[in-house]
C-alpha atoms as a PDB file:
ATOM      1  CA  MET A   1      24.174   9.790 -12.963  1.00  0.00           C
ATOM      2  CA  TYR A   2      27.809  10.606 -13.750  1.00  0.00           C
ATOM      3  CA  ARG A   3      26.785  13.925 -15.294  1.00  0.00           C
ATOM      4  CA  ARG A   4      24.583  14.686 -12.284  1.00  0.00           C
ATOM      5  CA  ILE A   5      27.461  14.147  -9.874  1.00  0.00           C
ATOM      6  CA  ASN A   6      30.188  15.882 -11.868  1.00  0.00           C
ATOM      7  CA  GLY A   7      28.040  18.469 -13.612  1.00  0.00           C
ATOM      8  CA  ASN A   8      26.768  20.129 -10.424  1.00  0.00           C
ATOM      9  CA  SER A   9      23.175  19.174 -11.208  1.00  0.00           C
ATOM     10  CA  ARG A  10      20.961  18.295  -8.265  1.00  0.00           C
ATOM     11  CA  ARG A  11      17.849  17.015 -10.059  1.00  0.00           C
ATOM     12  CA  GLY A  12      17.112  14.600 -12.846  1.00  0.00           C
ATOM     13  CA  CYS A  13      14.767  12.147 -14.482  1.00  0.00           C
ATOM     14  CA  LEU A  14      15.476   8.640 -15.650  1.00  0.00           C
ATOM     15  CA  VAL A  15      14.287   7.662 -19.124  1.00  0.00           C
ATOM     16  CA  HIS A  16      14.553   4.452 -21.096  1.00  0.00           C
ATOM     17  CA  ASN A  17      12.634   2.563 -23.738  1.00  0.00           C
ATOM     18  CA  HIS A  18      11.046  -0.867 -23.894  1.00  0.00           C
ATOM     19  CA  PRO A  19      11.769  -2.341 -27.334  1.00  0.00           C
ATOM     20  CA  SER A  20       8.785  -4.648 -26.863  1.00  0.00           C
ATOM     21  CA  GLY A  21       6.592  -1.570 -27.289  1.00  0.00           C
ATOM     22  CA  ASP A  22       4.815  -1.975 -23.947  1.00  0.00           C
ATOM     23  CA  PRO A  23       5.748   0.932 -21.673  1.00  0.00           C
ATOM     24  CA  SER A  24       4.469  -0.782 -18.512  1.00  0.00           C
ATOM     25  CA  PRO A  25       7.185  -0.856 -15.847  1.00  0.00           C
ATOM     26  CA  SER A  26       8.491  -4.265 -14.862  1.00  0.00           C
ATOM     27  CA  GLN A  27       9.314  -5.204 -11.270  1.00  0.00           C
ATOM     28  CA  ALA A  28      12.989  -4.868 -12.244  1.00  0.00           C
ATOM     29  CA  ASP A  29      12.338  -1.292 -13.500  1.00  0.00           C
ATOM     30  CA  ILE A  30      10.662  -0.381 -10.206  1.00  0.00           C
ATOM     31  CA  GLN A  31      13.347  -1.979  -8.034  1.00  0.00           C
ATOM     32  CA  MET A  32      16.186  -0.408 -10.034  1.00  0.00           C
ATOM     33  CA  THR A  33      14.545   3.019  -9.860  1.00  0.00           C
ATOM     34  CA  LYS A  34      14.142   2.792  -6.087  1.00  0.00           C
ATOM     35  CA  ALA A  35      17.775   1.679  -5.743  1.00  0.00           C
ATOM     36  CA  ILE A  36      18.993   4.627  -7.846  1.00  0.00           C
ATOM     37  CA  ILE A  37      16.865   7.033  -5.771  1.00  0.00           C
ATOM     38  CA  ASP A  38      18.352   5.602  -2.554  1.00  0.00           C
ATOM     39  CA  ILE A  39      21.901   5.901  -3.917  1.00  0.00           C
ATOM     40  CA  ALA A  40      21.370   9.431  -5.262  1.00  0.00           C
ATOM     41  CA  LYS A  41      19.771  10.859  -2.112  1.00  0.00           C
ATOM     42  CA  PRO A  42      22.952  10.997   0.061  1.00  0.00           C
ATOM     43  CA  LEU A  43      24.706  12.700  -2.862  1.00  0.00           C
ATOM     44  CA  GLY A  44      22.092  15.472  -2.795  1.00  0.00           C
ATOM     45  CA  ILE A  45      20.549  14.414  -6.109  1.00  0.00           C
ATOM     46  CA  ALA A  46      16.769  14.177  -6.467  1.00  0.00           C
ATOM     47  CA  VAL A  47      15.294  11.810  -9.033  1.00  0.00           C
ATOM     48  CA  HIS A  48      11.958  13.355  -9.998  1.00  0.00           C
ATOM     49  CA  ASP A  49      10.609  10.637 -12.271  1.00  0.00           C
ATOM     50  CA  HIS A  50      11.392   7.593 -14.368  1.00  0.00           C
ATOM     51  CA  ILE A  51       9.755   7.622 -17.797  1.00  0.00           C
ATOM     52  CA  ILE A  52       9.488   4.463 -19.859  1.00  0.00           C
ATOM     53  CA  VAL A  53       8.814   4.920 -23.568  1.00  0.00           C
ATOM     54  CA  GLY A  54       7.159   2.272 -25.700  1.00  0.00           C
ATOM     55  CA  LYS A  55       5.506   1.948 -29.070  1.00  0.00           C
ATOM     56  CA  SER A  56       2.068   2.532 -27.567  1.00  0.00           C
ATOM     57  CA  GLY A  57       3.019   5.571 -25.464  1.00  0.00           C
ATOM     58  CA  HIS A  58       4.863   6.168 -22.221  1.00  0.00           C
ATOM     59  CA  ALA A  59       4.595   5.446 -18.505  1.00  0.00           C
ATOM     60  CA  SER A  60       5.640   7.645 -15.596  1.00  0.00           C
ATOM     61  CA  LEU A  61       6.579   5.815 -12.415  1.00  0.00           C
ATOM     62  CA  ARG A  62       5.828   9.007 -10.447  1.00  0.00           C
ATOM     63  CA  GLY A  63       2.464   9.368 -12.205  1.00  0.00           C
ATOM     64  CA  MET A  64       1.683   5.750 -11.395  1.00  0.00           C
ATOM     65  CA  ARG A  65       2.647   6.428  -7.749  1.00  0.00           C
ATOM     66  CA  LEU A  66       5.330   3.746  -7.871  1.00  0.00           C
ATOM     67  CA  ILE A  67       7.999   6.144  -6.576  1.00  0.00           C
END
């Protein structure tokens, strides 16, 4: 988020991996994503998606309608 704030960017996506290989979002992933979206909104930054990468593929929180 630092680069979003100081780099004059107003949009972004969150991405991280699950070393376990299962890309399914945990409750902690969902809660953290919603918290980041809430924090970013007053700064004028839109979080478009949160992608989780695993050994068996990837998961999109937006695609799963979790955000």
